[in-house]
Amino acid sequence: MTSPSRTLTVGVLALQGAFSEHVQLLRQAAQILGESTKPDINGSGNGNEGALNWRFGEVRTPAELAVCDALILPGGESTTMALVAARSGLLEPLREFVKVYRKPVWGTCAGLILLSESANRTKKGGQDLIGGLDVRVERNHFGRQCESFTADLDLPFLSATAAGVTPTSNSGKPAKPFRSVFIRAPIVEKILPHHTDGIQKEEAERDDTIVAPSKLPRDETARKAVSANVEVLARLPAGAVTLTPKGKTAREMGEEGAIIAVRQGNVFGTSFHPELTGDARIHVWWLEQVLDAVRKAE
């Protein structure tokens, strides 16, 4: 007997920033996965019996968020995103999505700021956070836009996606460098201890620092996700080059080794902008994580 088709819906928060670029790369990633897993990929979710179908869409309302199995928070301006989310009634649903239901979420640049439990260089009341990652980020770490970096990143978790091979192949091939850009990007300044009550009390006492409000997970599966340790997945390489005319390296600028990608349970964050590269490998990898998380939750 053939099993019924399964549709997974992945949303991209579309309040401001580079959301359409993420949707395009998600579609490319689904096609790459489809070549290996043989699903019927389509926008409506009415695929072949027994197939896995992906549906991607922009999220602007609580109703659109409610149908999502996973979510991306794009690069852009985090303060503007938080303000629009609050005005549109999305801020609390977003916090529940990430911290109560612990659904898979990925934040890039501004999205990483929003998903952090603490952010510095921010006046009290000047920025709302969603939270989910026990880290402190430094907003706009690299200063002006011309002081941002380009970098060839060594991302070991992409080793099986090199040369178009999907992450399920276990090929063991080394990944080619992932070319990316850091535009007025944050960095993860500190990995924070996990508090069972969800409140970063010590961080709240710091000057020019804001913290995300507490939200407790709803069940045992969600509790396991929230209690996971923060994993450092990537650091800024010494050879990364600034966008200034002189093109100084990260080592020359004293930025070598800065944390630029982390994961904790269901939440993944990157300082850089994979959506601006045309390279879908991280999106392929993340969709695999989404599929694995949904299967475990079921």
C-alpha atoms as a PDB file:
ATOM      1  CA  MET A   1       0.000   0.000   0.000  1.00  0.00           C
ATOM      2  CA  THR A   2       1.392   3.392  -0.984  1.00  0.00           C
ATOM      3  CA  SER A   3       1.670   6.010   1.753  1.00  0.00           C
ATOM      4  CA  PRO A   4      -0.060   9.367   1.260  1.00  0.00           C
ATOM      5  CA  SER A   5       1.911  12.373   0.050  1.00  0.00           C
ATOM      6  CA  ARG A   6       3.431  14.706   2.637  1.00  0.00           C
ATOM      7  CA  THR A   7       3.718  18.468   2.210  1.00  0.00           C
ATOM      8  CA  LEU A   8       6.170  20.524   4.248  1.00  0.00           C
ATOM      9  CA  THR A   9       5.590  24.270   4.281  1.00  0.00           C
ATOM     10  CA  VAL A  10       8.568  26.570   4.754  1.00  0.00           C
ATOM     11  CA  GLY A  11       7.904  30.270   5.217  1.00  0.00           C
ATOM     12  CA  VAL A  12      10.190  33.273   4.854  1.00  0.00           C
ATOM     13  CA  LEU A  13       9.381  36.286   7.020  1.00  0.00           C
ATOM     14  CA  ALA A  14       8.597  39.002   4.464  1.00  0.00           C
ATOM     15  CA  LEU A  15       8.306  42.192   6.494  1.00  0.00           C
ATOM     16  CA  GLN A  16      11.551  43.744   5.229  1.00  0.00           C
ATOM     17  CA  GLY A  17      14.871  42.624   3.805  1.00  0.00           C
ATOM     18  CA  ALA A  18      16.083  39.917   1.411  1.00  0.00           C
ATOM     19  CA  PHE A  19      13.121  37.554   1.659  1.00  0.00           C
ATOM     20  CA  SER A  20      12.489  36.922  -2.050  1.00  0.00           C
ATOM     21  CA  GLU A  21      16.093  35.787  -2.533  1.00  0.00           C
ATOM     22  CA  HIS A  22      15.602  33.145   0.158  1.00  0.00           C
ATOM     23  CA  VAL A  23      12.449  31.856  -1.528  1.00  0.00           C
ATOM     24  CA  GLN A  24      14.301  31.495  -4.832  1.00  0.00           C
ATOM     25  CA  LEU A  25      17.141  29.519  -3.243  1.00  0.00           C
ATOM     26  CA  LEU A  26      14.699  27.326  -1.324  1.00  0.00           C
ATOM     27  CA  ARG A  27      13.108  26.348  -4.629  1.00  0.00           C
ATOM     28  CA  GLN A  28      16.536  25.542  -6.070  1.00  0.00           C
ATOM     29  CA  ALA A  29      17.365  23.498  -2.964  1.00  0.00           C
ATOM     30  CA  ALA A  30      14.131  21.505  -3.240  1.00  0.00           C
ATOM     31  CA  GLN A  31      14.933  20.676  -6.860  1.00  0.00           C
ATOM     32  CA  ILE A  32      18.393  19.449  -5.842  1.00  0.00           C
ATOM     33  CA  LEU A  33      16.885  17.271  -3.137  1.00  0.00           C
ATOM     34  CA  GLY A  34      14.258  16.065  -5.588  1.00  0.00           C
ATOM     35  CA  GLU A  35      16.914  14.678  -7.923  1.00  0.00           C
ATOM     36  CA  SER A  36      18.032  12.384  -5.099  1.00  0.00           C
ATOM     37  CA  THR A  37      14.857  11.581  -3.156  1.00  0.00           C
ATOM     38  CA  LYS A  38      12.461  11.564  -6.142  1.00  0.00           C
ATOM     39  CA  PRO A  39       9.685  13.694  -4.628  1.00  0.00           C
ATOM     40  CA  ASP A  40       7.112  15.543  -6.703  1.00  0.00           C
ATOM     41  CA  ILE A  41       8.024  19.187  -5.985  1.00  0.00           C
ATOM     42  CA  ASN A  42       5.267  21.720  -6.599  1.00  0.00           C
ATOM     43  CA  GLY A  43       3.829  24.871  -5.140  1.00  0.00           C
ATOM     44  CA  SER A  44       0.365  23.554  -4.361  1.00  0.00           C
ATOM     45  CA  GLY A  45       1.393  20.527  -2.370  1.00  0.00           C
ATOM     46  CA  ASN A  46      -0.795  18.170  -4.444  1.00  0.00           C
ATOM     47  CA  GLY A  47       1.947  15.765  -5.440  1.00  0.00           C
ATOM     48  CA  ASN A  48       2.118  12.100  -6.273  1.00  0.00           C
ATOM     49  CA  GLU A  49       0.957   9.550  -3.761  1.00  0.00           C
ATOM     50  CA  GLY A  50       3.812   8.695  -1.405  1.00  0.00           C
ATOM     51  CA  ALA A  51       5.839  11.752  -2.474  1.00  0.00           C
ATOM     52  CA  LEU A  52       7.366  14.495  -0.376  1.00  0.00           C
ATOM     53  CA  ASN A  53       6.275  17.957  -1.483  1.00  0.00           C
ATOM     54  CA  TRP A  54       7.723  21.299  -0.463  1.00  0.00           C
ATOM     55  CA  ARG A  55       5.693  24.496  -0.357  1.00  0.00           C
ATOM     56  CA  PHE A  56       7.477  27.839   0.059  1.00  0.00           C
ATOM     57  CA  GLY A  57       5.907  31.213   0.728  1.00  0.00           C
ATOM     58  CA  GLU A  58       6.248  34.667   2.198  1.00  0.00           C
ATOM     59  CA  VAL A  59       4.948  35.211   5.739  1.00  0.00           C
ATOM     60  CA  ARG A  60       3.385  38.514   6.777  1.00  0.00           C
ATOM     61  CA  THR A  61       0.515  37.496   9.057  1.00  0.00           C
ATOM     62  CA  PRO A  62      -0.065  35.164  12.017  1.00  0.00           C
ATOM     63  CA  ALA A  63      -2.335  33.023   9.824  1.00  0.00           C
ATOM     64  CA  GLU A  64       0.446  32.526   7.246  1.00  0.00           C
ATOM     65  CA  LEU A  65       2.894  31.658  10.028  1.00  0.00           C
ATOM     66  CA  ALA A  66       0.493  29.138  11.570  1.00  0.00           C
ATOM     67  CA  VAL A  67       0.640  26.801   8.550  1.00  0.00           C
ATOM     68  CA  CYS A  68       4.451  26.709   8.453  1.00  0.00           C
ATOM     69  CA  ASP A  69       6.559  23.720   9.468  1.00  0.00           C
ATOM     70  CA  ALA A  70       9.719  25.846   9.399  1.00  0.00           C
ATOM     71  CA  LEU A  71      10.708  29.488   8.952  1.00  0.00           C
ATOM     72  CA  ILE A  72      13.561  31.685   7.699  1.00  0.00           C
ATOM     73  CA  LEU A  73      14.195  35.173   9.085  1.00  0.00           C
ATOM     74  CA  PRO A  74      16.116  37.015   6.339  1.00  0.00           C
ATOM     75  CA  GLY A  75      18.806  39.648   6.325  1.00  0.00           C
ATOM     76  CA  GLY A  76      17.733  43.268   6.453  1.00  0.00           C
ATOM     77  CA  GLU A  77      17.184  45.703   9.315  1.00  0.00           C
ATOM     78  CA  SER A  78      16.351  43.917  12.549  1.00  0.00           C
ATOM     79  CA  THR A  79      14.840  46.931  14.312  1.00  0.00           C
ATOM     80  CA  THR A  80      12.449  47.557  11.412  1.00  0.00           C
ATOM     81  CA  MET A  81      11.504  43.872  11.226  1.00  0.00           C
ATOM     82  CA  ALA A  82      10.740  43.746  14.944  1.00  0.00           C
ATOM     83  CA  LEU A  83       8.713  46.956  14.795  1.00  0.00           C
ATOM     84  CA  VAL A  84       6.613  45.793  11.832  1.00  0.00           C
ATOM     85  CA  ALA A  85       6.157  42.368  13.433  1.00  0.00           C
ATOM     86  CA  ALA A  86       4.854  43.977  16.620  1.00  0.00           C
ATOM     87  CA  ARG A  87       2.466  46.260  14.726  1.00  0.00           C
ATOM     88  CA  SER A  88       1.126  43.386  12.618  1.00  0.00           C
ATOM     89  CA  GLY A  89       0.543  41.105  15.595  1.00  0.00           C
ATOM     90  CA  LEU A  90       3.327  38.726  14.556  1.00  0.00           C
ATOM     91  CA  LEU A  91       5.881  39.208  17.332  1.00  0.00           C
ATOM     92  CA  GLU A  92       4.289  36.948  19.952  1.00  0.00           C
ATOM     93  CA  PRO A  93       3.349  34.233  17.414  1.00  0.00           C
ATOM     94  CA  LEU A  94       6.961  34.275  16.224  1.00  0.00           C
ATOM     95  CA  ARG A  95       8.204  33.784  19.780  1.00  0.00           C
ATOM     96  CA  GLU A  96       5.818  30.882  20.265  1.00  0.00           C
ATOM     97  CA  PHE A  97       6.851  29.339  16.937  1.00  0.00           C
ATOM     98  CA  VAL A  98      10.538  29.447  17.912  1.00  0.00           C
ATOM     99  CA  LYS A  99      10.553  29.019  21.704  1.00  0.00           C
ATOM    100  CA  VAL A 100       7.327  27.218  22.642  1.00  0.00           C
ATOM    101  CA  TYR A 101       6.799  24.871  19.671  1.00  0.00           C
ATOM    102  CA  ARG A 102      10.532  24.844  18.793  1.00  0.00           C
ATOM    103  CA  LYS A 103       9.942  24.507  15.065  1.00  0.00           C
ATOM    104  CA  PRO A 104      13.009  24.713  12.771  1.00  0.00           C
ATOM    105  CA  VAL A 105      14.092  28.320  12.217  1.00  0.00           C
ATOM    106  CA  TRP A 106      17.042  29.884  10.400  1.00  0.00           C
ATOM    107  CA  GLY A 107      18.082  33.523  10.752  1.00  0.00           C
ATOM    108  CA  THR A 108      20.558  35.296   8.458  1.00  0.00           C
ATOM    109  CA  CYS A 109      22.247  38.544   9.565  1.00  0.00           C
ATOM    110  CA  ALA A 110      19.309  40.564  10.948  1.00  0.00           C
ATOM    111  CA  GLY A 111      17.519  37.258  11.478  1.00  0.00           C
ATOM    112  CA  LEU A 112      20.406  36.089  13.688  1.00  0.00           C
ATOM    113  CA  ILE A 113      20.007  39.226  15.819  1.00  0.00           C
ATOM    114  CA  LEU A 114      16.287  38.587  16.254  1.00  0.00           C
ATOM    115  CA  LEU A 115      16.879  34.959  17.242  1.00  0.00           C
ATOM    116  CA  SER A 116      19.497  35.791  19.880  1.00  0.00           C
ATOM    117  CA  GLU A 117      18.658  35.866  23.570  1.00  0.00           C
ATOM    118  CA  SER A 118      20.827  38.963  24.046  1.00  0.00           C
ATOM    119  CA  ALA A 119      22.026  41.802  21.807  1.00  0.00           C
ATOM    120  CA  ASN A 120      24.383  44.601  22.746  1.00  0.00           C
ATOM    121  CA  ARG A 121      24.945  48.063  21.297  1.00  0.00           C
ATOM    122  CA  THR A 122      21.212  48.536  21.733  1.00  0.00           C
ATOM    123  CA  LYS A 123      19.368  50.965  23.982  1.00  0.00           C
ATOM    124  CA  LYS A 124      16.679  49.586  26.272  1.00  0.00           C
ATOM    125  CA  GLY A 125      13.390  49.526  24.411  1.00  0.00           C
ATOM    126  CA  GLY A 126      15.118  50.154  21.084  1.00  0.00           C
ATOM    127  CA  GLN A 127      14.768  46.635  19.721  1.00  0.00           C
ATOM    128  CA  ASP A 128      12.535  43.626  20.354  1.00  0.00           C
ATOM    129  CA  LEU A 129      14.053  40.158  20.186  1.00  0.00           C
ATOM    130  CA  ILE A 130      12.413  36.806  19.498  1.00  0.00           C
ATOM    131  CA  GLY A 131      15.135  34.678  21.093  1.00  0.00           C
ATOM    132  CA  GLY A 132      15.883  30.987  20.830  1.00  0.00           C
ATOM    133  CA  LEU A 133      19.691  31.024  20.679  1.00  0.00           C
ATOM    134  CA  ASP A 134      21.586  31.286  23.969  1.00  0.00           C
ATOM    135  CA  VAL A 135      24.071  33.786  22.568  1.00  0.00           C
ATOM    136  CA  ARG A 136      24.880  37.455  22.816  1.00  0.00           C
ATOM    137  CA  VAL A 137      25.320  39.151  19.454  1.00  0.00           C
ATOM    138  CA  GLU A 138      27.025  42.424  18.708  1.00  0.00           C
ATOM    139  CA  ARG A 139      24.919  44.339  16.220  1.00  0.00           C
ATOM    140  CA  ASN A 140      26.618  45.900  13.201  1.00  0.00           C
ATOM    141  CA  HIS A 141      29.953  44.524  14.400  1.00  0.00           C
ATOM    142  CA  PHE A 142      31.838  45.433  11.233  1.00  0.00           C
ATOM    143  CA  GLY A 143      30.762  49.080  11.239  1.00  0.00           C
ATOM    144  CA  ARG A 144      29.907  50.861   8.017  1.00  0.00           C
ATOM    145  CA  GLN A 145      28.849  48.962   4.920  1.00  0.00           C
ATOM    146  CA  CYS A 146      32.207  49.523   3.201  1.00  0.00           C
ATOM    147  CA  GLU A 147      33.894  47.868   6.192  1.00  0.00           C
ATOM    148  CA  SER A 148      31.991  44.632   5.666  1.00  0.00           C
ATOM    149  CA  PHE A 149      33.735  41.446   4.547  1.00  0.00           C
ATOM    150  CA  THR A 150      33.679  38.939   1.746  1.00  0.00           C
ATOM    151  CA  ALA A 151      34.907  35.469   2.636  1.00  0.00           C
ATOM    152  CA  ASP A 152      35.470  31.964   1.322  1.00  0.00           C
ATOM    153  CA  LEU A 153      34.056  29.971   4.214  1.00  0.00           C
ATOM    154  CA  ASP A 154      35.090  26.497   5.276  1.00  0.00           C
ATOM    155  CA  LEU A 155      31.789  24.889   6.285  1.00  0.00           C
ATOM    156  CA  PRO A 156      32.404  21.238   7.210  1.00  0.00           C
ATOM    157  CA  PHE A 157      28.679  20.511   7.599  1.00  0.00           C
ATOM    158  CA  LEU A 158      28.361  21.033   3.827  1.00  0.00           C
ATOM    159  CA  SER A 159      30.953  18.368   2.966  1.00  0.00           C
ATOM    160  CA  ALA A 160      28.363  16.055   1.411  1.00  0.00           C
ATOM    161  CA  THR A 161      26.761  18.756  -0.730  1.00  0.00           C
ATOM    162  CA  ALA A 162      29.857  19.470  -2.798  1.00  0.00           C
ATOM    163  CA  ALA A 163      29.551  19.093  -6.553  1.00  0.00           C
ATOM    164  CA  GLY A 164      25.774  18.788  -6.382  1.00  0.00           C
ATOM    165  CA  VAL A 165      25.757  15.767  -4.069  1.00  0.00           C
ATOM    166  CA  THR A 166      22.955  15.930  -1.523  1.00  0.00           C
ATOM    167  CA  PRO A 167      23.657  15.717   2.234  1.00  0.00           C
ATOM    168  CA  THR A 168      22.105  12.238   2.361  1.00  0.00           C
ATOM    169  CA  SER A 169      24.758  10.713   0.136  1.00  0.00           C
ATOM    170  CA  ASN A 170      27.514  10.518   2.778  1.00  0.00           C
ATOM    171  CA  SER A 171      30.042  10.980   0.004  1.00  0.00           C
ATOM    172  CA  GLY A 172      32.681  12.312   2.388  1.00  0.00           C
ATOM    173  CA  LYS A 173      33.926  14.709  -0.297  1.00  0.00           C
ATOM    174  CA  PRO A 174      35.411  17.941   1.078  1.00  0.00           C
ATOM    175  CA  ALA A 175      33.176  20.908   0.480  1.00  0.00           C
ATOM    176  CA  LYS A 176      34.384  23.644  -1.803  1.00  0.00           C
ATOM    177  CA  PRO A 177      34.566  27.028  -0.025  1.00  0.00           C
ATOM    178  CA  PHE A 178      31.272  28.841   0.373  1.00  0.00           C
ATOM    179  CA  ARG A 179      31.643  32.368  -0.983  1.00  0.00           C
ATOM    180  CA  SER A 180      29.616  34.823   1.077  1.00  0.00           C
ATOM    181  CA  VAL A 181      29.366  38.429   2.166  1.00  0.00           C
ATOM    182  CA  PHE A 182      28.948  40.117   5.541  1.00  0.00           C
ATOM    183  CA  ILE A 183      27.058  43.418   5.171  1.00  0.00           C
ATOM    184  CA  ARG A 184      26.981  45.472   8.386  1.00  0.00           C
ATOM    185  CA  ALA A 185      26.747  42.055   9.968  1.00  0.00           C
ATOM    186  CA  PRO A 186      26.533  40.953  13.596  1.00  0.00           C
ATOM    187  CA  ILE A 187      28.838  38.424  15.196  1.00  0.00           C
ATOM    188  CA  VAL A 188      28.195  36.061  18.073  1.00  0.00           C
ATOM    189  CA  GLU A 189      30.130  37.775  20.845  1.00  0.00           C
ATOM    190  CA  LYS A 190      29.476  35.207  23.574  1.00  0.00           C
ATOM    191  CA  ILE A 191      27.884  31.796  24.110  1.00  0.00           C
ATOM    192  CA  LEU A 192      25.536  32.172  27.087  1.00  0.00           C
ATOM    193  CA  PRO A 193      24.577  29.606  29.728  1.00  0.00           C
ATOM    194  CA  HIS A 194      21.170  28.018  29.308  1.00  0.00           C
ATOM    195  CA  HIS A 195      18.638  28.936  32.013  1.00  0.00           C
ATOM    196  CA  THR A 196      15.692  26.621  32.550  1.00  0.00           C
ATOM    197  CA  ASP A 197      13.401  29.597  33.186  1.00  0.00           C
ATOM    198  CA  GLY A 198      14.436  31.100  29.859  1.00  0.00           C
ATOM    199  CA  ILE A 199      15.615  34.407  31.338  1.00  0.00           C
ATOM    200  CA  GLN A 200      19.137  35.755  30.804  1.00  0.00           C
ATOM    201  CA  LYS A 201      19.222  37.729  34.054  1.00  0.00           C
ATOM    202  CA  GLU A 202      22.917  38.629  33.922  1.00  0.00           C
ATOM    203  CA  GLU A 203      22.576  39.923  30.382  1.00  0.00           C
ATOM    204  CA  ALA A 204      19.609  42.100  31.329  1.00  0.00           C
ATOM    205  CA  GLU A 205      21.824  43.938  33.819  1.00  0.00           C
ATOM    206  CA  ARG A 206      24.394  44.940  31.194  1.00  0.00           C
ATOM    207  CA  ASP A 207      24.389  48.471  29.802  1.00  0.00           C
ATOM    208  CA  ASP A 208      23.193  48.909  26.202  1.00  0.00           C
ATOM    209  CA  THR A 209      22.038  45.302  26.120  1.00  0.00           C
ATOM    210  CA  ILE A 210      18.576  43.868  25.555  1.00  0.00           C
ATOM    211  CA  VAL A 211      17.277  40.357  26.185  1.00  0.00           C
ATOM    212  CA  ALA A 212      14.455  38.279  24.756  1.00  0.00           C
ATOM    213  CA  PRO A 213      11.443  37.535  26.964  1.00  0.00           C
ATOM    214  CA  SER A 214      11.034  34.084  28.453  1.00  0.00           C
ATOM    215  CA  LYS A 215       8.924  31.484  26.679  1.00  0.00           C
ATOM    216  CA  LEU A 216       8.923  27.911  27.946  1.00  0.00           C
ATOM    217  CA  PRO A 217       8.722  24.902  25.583  1.00  0.00           C
ATOM    218  CA  ARG A 218       5.397  23.089  25.394  1.00  0.00           C
ATOM    219  CA  ASP A 219       6.477  19.411  25.569  1.00  0.00           C
ATOM    220  CA  GLU A 220       9.398  17.025  26.040  1.00  0.00           C
ATOM    221  CA  THR A 221      10.512  17.170  22.400  1.00  0.00           C
ATOM    222  CA  ALA A 222      10.591  20.960  22.543  1.00  0.00           C
ATOM    223  CA  ARG A 223      12.400  20.886  25.907  1.00  0.00           C
ATOM    224  CA  LYS A 224      15.157  18.724  24.414  1.00  0.00           C
ATOM    225  CA  ALA A 225      15.611  21.224  21.592  1.00  0.00           C
ATOM    226  CA  VAL A 226      15.822  24.225  23.891  1.00  0.00           C
ATOM    227  CA  SER A 227      18.236  22.515  26.295  1.00  0.00           C
ATOM    228  CA  ALA A 228      20.715  21.580  23.573  1.00  0.00           C
ATOM    229  CA  ASN A 229      24.124  23.209  23.720  1.00  0.00           C
ATOM    230  CA  VAL A 230      25.004  25.981  21.292  1.00  0.00           C
ATOM    231  CA  GLU A 231      27.193  24.580  18.512  1.00  0.00           C
ATOM    232  CA  VAL A 232      29.695  26.830  16.763  1.00  0.00           C
ATOM    233  CA  LEU A 233      29.465  25.879  13.081  1.00  0.00           C
ATOM    234  CA  ALA A 234      31.741  28.499  11.509  1.00  0.00           C
ATOM    235  CA  ARG A 235      34.208  31.276  12.281  1.00  0.00           C
ATOM    236  CA  LEU A 236      35.488  34.145  10.157  1.00  0.00           C
ATOM    237  CA  PRO A 237      38.646  32.963   8.356  1.00  0.00           C
ATOM    238  CA  ALA A 238      41.888  34.912   8.484  1.00  0.00           C
ATOM    239  CA  GLY A 239      41.797  35.510   4.736  1.00  0.00           C
ATOM    240  CA  ALA A 240      38.383  37.200   4.653  1.00  0.00           C
ATOM    241  CA  VAL A 241      38.716  40.583   2.940  1.00  0.00           C
ATOM    242  CA  THR A 242      37.031  43.888   3.758  1.00  0.00           C
ATOM    243  CA  LEU A 243      35.055  45.739   1.108  1.00  0.00           C
ATOM    244  CA  THR A 244      37.201  48.856   1.582  1.00  0.00           C
ATOM    245  CA  PRO A 245      39.414  49.903  -1.323  1.00  0.00           C
ATOM    246  CA  LYS A 246      42.504  48.689   0.561  1.00  0.00           C
ATOM    247  CA  GLY A 247      40.930  45.284   1.130  1.00  0.00           C
ATOM    248  CA  LYS A 248      42.406  44.442   4.517  1.00  0.00           C
ATOM    249  CA  THR A 249      42.136  40.869   5.736  1.00  0.00           C
ATOM    250  CA  ALA A 250      40.281  39.691   8.815  1.00  0.00           C
ATOM    251  CA  ARG A 251      43.618  38.908  10.452  1.00  0.00           C
ATOM    252  CA  GLU A 252      44.856  42.456   9.820  1.00  0.00           C
ATOM    253  CA  MET A 253      41.599  43.845  11.197  1.00  0.00           C
ATOM    254  CA  GLY A 254      41.731  41.641  14.299  1.00  0.00           C
ATOM    255  CA  GLU A 255      38.531  39.824  13.293  1.00  0.00           C
ATOM    256  CA  GLU A 256      39.974  36.368  12.654  1.00  0.00           C
ATOM    257  CA  GLY A 257      38.020  33.631  14.389  1.00  0.00           C
ATOM    258  CA  ALA A 258      34.845  35.637  15.070  1.00  0.00           C
ATOM    259  CA  ILE A 259      31.830  33.316  15.434  1.00  0.00           C
ATOM    260  CA  ILE A 260      29.602  33.644  12.362  1.00  0.00           C
ATOM    261  CA  ALA A 261      27.368  30.541  12.407  1.00  0.00           C
ATOM    262  CA  VAL A 262      25.721  28.718  15.318  1.00  0.00           C
ATOM    263  CA  ARG A 263      23.027  26.157  15.972  1.00  0.00           C
ATOM    264  CA  GLN A 264      21.074  25.239  19.097  1.00  0.00           C
ATOM    265  CA  GLY A 265      18.441  22.562  18.768  1.00  0.00           C
ATOM    266  CA  ASN A 266      15.906  23.795  16.241  1.00  0.00           C
ATOM    267  CA  VAL A 267      17.495  27.228  15.731  1.00  0.00           C
ATOM    268  CA  PHE A 268      20.243  27.993  13.199  1.00  0.00           C
ATOM    269  CA  GLY A 269      21.846  31.404  12.709  1.00  0.00           C
ATOM    270  CA  THR A 270      24.392  32.891  10.300  1.00  0.00           C
ATOM    271  CA  SER A 271      25.995  36.344  10.331  1.00  0.00           C
ATOM    272  CA  PHE A 272      26.364  36.314   6.569  1.00  0.00           C
ATOM    273  CA  HIS A 273      23.944  36.285   3.624  1.00  0.00           C
ATOM    274  CA  PRO A 274      23.756  32.910   1.821  1.00  0.00           C
ATOM    275  CA  GLU A 275      20.649  34.175   0.041  1.00  0.00           C
ATOM    276  CA  LEU A 276      22.725  36.720  -1.916  1.00  0.00           C
ATOM    277  CA  THR A 277      25.185  34.208  -3.368  1.00  0.00           C
ATOM    278  CA  GLY A 278      23.129  32.038  -5.721  1.00  0.00           C
ATOM    279  CA  ASP A 279      24.723  29.025  -3.983  1.00  0.00           C
ATOM    280  CA  ALA A 280      21.940  26.794  -2.613  1.00  0.00           C
ATOM    281  CA  ARG A 281      24.099  24.379  -0.608  1.00  0.00           C
ATOM    282  CA  ILE A 282      23.240  25.764   2.836  1.00  0.00           C
ATOM    283  CA  HIS A 283      19.561  25.825   1.885  1.00  0.00           C
ATOM    284  CA  VAL A 284      19.824  22.159   0.813  1.00  0.00           C
ATOM    285  CA  TRP A 285      21.460  21.265   4.116  1.00  0.00           C
ATOM    286  CA  TRP A 286      18.872  23.212   6.118  1.00  0.00           C
ATOM    287  CA  LEU A 287      15.910  21.590   4.350  1.00  0.00           C
ATOM    288  CA  GLU A 288      17.409  18.243   5.333  1.00  0.00           C
ATOM    289  CA  GLN A 289      17.483  19.454   8.950  1.00  0.00           C
ATOM    290  CA  VAL A 290      13.857  20.556   8.647  1.00  0.00           C
ATOM    291  CA  LEU A 291      12.794  17.164   7.323  1.00  0.00           C
ATOM    292  CA  ASP A 292      14.666  15.378  10.104  1.00  0.00           C
ATOM    293  CA  ALA A 293      13.123  17.618  12.793  1.00  0.00           C
ATOM    294  CA  VAL A 294       9.585  17.112  11.456  1.00  0.00           C
ATOM    295  CA  ARG A 295      10.037  13.347  11.390  1.00  0.00           C
ATOM    296  CA  LYS A 296      11.308  13.329  14.977  1.00  0.00           C
ATOM    297  CA  ALA A 297       8.410  15.511  16.143  1.00  0.00           C
ATOM    298  CA  GLU A 298       5.907  13.133  14.540  1.00  0.00           C
END
